[in-house]
Structures are given as structure tokens and as C-alpha cells.
Amino acid sequence: MKKISIFLLSLLTTVSAFAATDDNKPVRAEELPAKAKTFLATYFANDPVSFATLDNDWFGGTYEVRLQSGSEIDFTKEGEWTAIDTKPRTVPTEVIPAPIYKEVSSRFPGRTITKIDRDRRDYELELNDGLELTFNLKFDLIGIDD
């Protein structure tokens, strides 16, 4: 029993040490990956970077960028965007996959997309009225949540 307690205590200490090093490290905009810098220059040219951080986590790390307007964009270590939150502004339409943009425009006229997240499973969007939509990777609408 004593050996198990010592093992669990040392395991907890090790995990805590790794968690403590899992802080966001400030980075300059010039230090962002080339793809991220190109993305920002293309779609947010008139909205300078306020600050950026690198979060080295268990899954390889992500960059979190805050623009002067308050918009937030997350990038992978390779510079691919994973989340864009422009509330209350509109996400640039060129960033949104065309089939998703077409579906949102036709089914929800007059509403705009203020947030979009993508991962290996799906795309999650939030509209300016708070409605949340989920699309699969084939761009089919698979969920609506108000």
C-alpha cells in the first residue's frame, strides 16, 4: 500500500510539473509561422496584431493571436487557422468554405457568421444572433443549437 501511495504521489508531482510548463509564451507577430502571417495580411490587413502567444501543449502547440479590434484567431504550429472569433464583426467570407457560406446565406438570410472553428471532425459556426451551426467535413449541416 505504501509503495502505491509513493508511486501515485510521484506521478502527481510529474504531471503537475508538466502542467506548470504548459503556459502561453508571448511571441512577436514576426515570429508567427509564414502561413499565419500571410493569412493575417490577406484577411486582416487593417487590423494589426495586439499580442500573440504560443501554447506548447500535448498536441503540438497552437498560436493564439489577438487583433486590435478584439478579434481572436488560433493557428496550428504550421500556421493553419483552427478558430476565428470576430464578434461582433463578420468573419471574412473568403475564409469560409463556399458550400458552408452558400448554405448559411440561403437558410439564414440577413445573418452573418461571427465565429468559426474547425477540427478533424467538423466546422462549428456562430451567427450574429447567437445561433450555432455544425457542419461535417462534407459541408452538410448536421446540427443547429440556439
Protein backbone atom coordinates (compact mmCIF):
# COMPACT_ATOMS: atom_id res chain seq x y z
CA MET A 1 0.00 0.00 0.00
CA LYS A 2 2.84 2.35 0.88
CA LYS A 3 4.52 1.70 -2.49
CA ILE A 4 1.30 2.54 -4.33
CA SER A 5 0.92 5.79 -2.39
CA ILE A 6 4.51 6.79 -3.15
CA PHE A 7 4.02 5.92 -6.83
CA LEU A 8 0.81 7.94 -7.06
CA LEU A 9 2.41 10.90 -5.31
CA SER A 10 5.39 10.87 -7.67
CA LEU A 11 3.06 10.54 -10.66
CA LEU A 12 1.02 13.50 -9.45
CA THR A 13 4.20 15.55 -8.99
CA THR A 14 5.38 14.70 -12.51
CA VAL A 15 2.05 15.60 -14.08
CA SER A 16 1.94 18.86 -12.11
CA ALA A 17 5.44 19.75 -13.31
CA PHE A 18 4.42 19.22 -16.92
CA ALA A 19 1.23 21.22 -16.43
CA ALA A 20 3.19 24.11 -14.96
CA THR A 21 5.30 24.33 -18.13
CA ASP A 22 2.14 24.42 -20.24
CA ASP A 23 1.84 28.21 -20.08
CA ASN A 24 1.28 30.52 -23.00
CA LYS A 25 4.54 32.08 -24.12
CA PRO A 26 4.32 35.57 -25.63
CA VAL A 27 5.60 35.82 -29.21
CA ARG A 28 6.02 38.72 -31.60
CA ALA A 29 3.88 38.84 -34.73
CA GLU A 30 7.06 38.36 -36.79
CA GLU A 31 7.59 35.00 -35.07
CA LEU A 32 4.29 33.52 -36.29
CA PRO A 33 4.51 30.81 -38.97
CA ALA A 34 4.64 32.10 -42.55
CA LYS A 35 1.14 30.76 -43.35
CA ALA A 36 -0.33 32.58 -40.34
CA LYS A 37 1.38 35.85 -41.30
CA THR A 38 0.10 35.52 -44.88
CA PHE A 39 -3.42 34.77 -43.61
CA LEU A 40 -3.40 37.84 -41.36
CA ALA A 41 -2.00 40.06 -44.12
CA THR A 42 -4.63 38.79 -46.57
CA TYR A 43 -7.80 38.83 -44.46
CA PHE A 44 -7.00 41.20 -41.57
CA ALA A 45 -4.59 43.69 -43.16
CA ASN A 46 -6.23 46.69 -41.48
CA ASP A 47 -6.37 45.07 -38.05
CA PRO A 48 -2.88 44.84 -36.51
CA VAL A 49 -1.83 42.16 -34.04
CA SER A 50 -2.26 43.33 -30.47
CA PHE A 51 -0.50 40.30 -28.99
CA ALA A 52 0.21 36.65 -29.76
CA THR A 53 1.06 33.63 -27.65
CA LEU A 54 2.40 30.15 -28.28
CA ASP A 55 0.80 27.42 -26.21
CA ASN A 56 3.03 24.33 -26.27
CA ASP A 57 0.57 21.63 -25.30
CA TRP A 58 0.43 17.86 -25.56
CA PHE A 59 -0.92 18.08 -29.12
CA GLY A 60 1.94 20.03 -30.66
CA GLY A 61 1.11 23.60 -29.77
CA THR A 62 -1.03 26.41 -31.05
CA TYR A 63 -0.67 30.11 -31.63
CA GLU A 64 -3.35 32.40 -30.24
CA VAL A 65 -3.49 35.83 -31.86
CA ARG A 66 -5.50 38.80 -30.61
CA LEU A 67 -6.02 41.67 -33.04
CA GLN A 68 -6.51 45.31 -32.06
CA SER A 69 -10.23 45.05 -32.89
CA GLY A 70 -10.58 42.29 -30.29
CA SER A 71 -10.85 39.51 -32.88
CA GLU A 72 -9.11 36.27 -31.93
CA ILE A 73 -7.57 33.74 -34.30
CA ASP A 74 -5.99 30.41 -33.39
CA PHE A 75 -3.39 28.77 -35.61
CA THR A 76 -1.61 25.42 -35.58
CA LYS A 77 2.18 25.35 -35.31
CA GLU A 78 2.19 25.09 -39.11
CA GLY A 79 0.13 28.28 -39.43
CA GLU A 80 -3.26 26.80 -40.42
CA TRP A 81 -6.19 28.57 -38.77
CA THR A 82 -8.35 26.49 -36.43
CA ALA A 83 -10.64 29.14 -34.93
CA ILE A 84 -11.68 32.67 -35.83
CA ASP A 85 -13.77 34.78 -33.46
CA THR A 86 -14.58 38.26 -34.78
CA LYS A 87 -17.66 39.03 -32.63
CA PRO A 88 -19.44 41.33 -33.21
CA ARG A 89 -17.82 41.68 -36.64
CA THR A 90 -18.20 39.26 -39.53
CA VAL A 91 -15.71 36.53 -40.42
CA PRO A 92 -14.30 37.30 -43.90
CA THR A 93 -16.40 35.35 -46.38
CA GLU A 94 -13.32 34.21 -48.32
CA VAL A 95 -12.22 32.18 -45.29
CA ILE A 96 -15.49 30.26 -45.01
CA PRO A 97 -15.75 27.19 -47.28
CA ALA A 98 -18.02 28.13 -50.20
CA PRO A 99 -20.63 25.35 -49.61
CA ILE A 100 -20.99 26.41 -45.97
CA TYR A 101 -21.30 30.08 -46.85
CA LYS A 102 -23.91 29.27 -49.52
CA GLU A 103 -25.95 27.15 -47.08
CA VAL A 104 -25.86 29.80 -44.35
CA SER A 105 -26.77 32.59 -46.79
CA SER A 106 -29.74 30.70 -48.20
CA ARG A 107 -31.13 29.20 -44.97
CA PHE A 108 -30.43 32.14 -42.67
CA PRO A 109 -30.68 35.30 -44.82
CA GLY A 110 -29.58 38.54 -43.21
CA ARG A 111 -27.45 36.76 -40.60
CA THR A 112 -23.66 36.84 -40.54
CA ILE A 113 -21.01 34.43 -39.31
CA THR A 114 -19.11 35.88 -36.35
CA LYS A 115 -17.20 32.78 -35.28
CA ILE A 116 -15.91 29.63 -36.98
CA ASP A 117 -13.97 26.68 -35.57
CA ARG A 118 -12.68 23.72 -37.50
CA ASP A 119 -11.07 20.47 -36.50
CA ARG A 120 -10.69 16.92 -37.82
CA ARG A 121 -14.42 16.21 -37.33
CA ASP A 122 -16.41 19.28 -38.25
CA TYR A 123 -16.90 23.02 -38.60
CA GLU A 124 -18.74 24.91 -35.87
CA LEU A 125 -20.14 28.36 -36.59
CA GLU A 126 -21.85 31.04 -34.58
CA LEU A 127 -24.10 33.58 -36.24
CA ASN A 128 -24.58 37.19 -35.16
CA ASP A 129 -27.86 36.28 -33.40
CA GLY A 130 -26.19 33.55 -31.30
CA LEU A 131 -27.43 30.61 -33.39
CA GLU A 132 -24.80 27.84 -33.54
CA LEU A 133 -24.43 25.60 -36.57
CA THR A 134 -22.36 22.46 -37.07
CA PHE A 135 -21.25 21.16 -40.48
CA ASN A 136 -19.47 17.89 -41.16
CA LEU A 137 -16.35 17.77 -43.34
CA LYS A 138 -18.56 17.19 -46.40
CA PHE A 139 -20.14 20.59 -45.60
CA ASP A 140 -23.53 19.09 -44.69
CA LEU A 141 -25.43 20.90 -41.94
CA ILE A 142 -25.62 18.36 -39.11
CA GLY A 143 -26.62 20.44 -36.09
CA ILE A 144 -28.40 23.62 -35.03
CA ASP A 145 -28.33 24.95 -31.48
CA ASP A 146 -29.86 28.17 -30.24
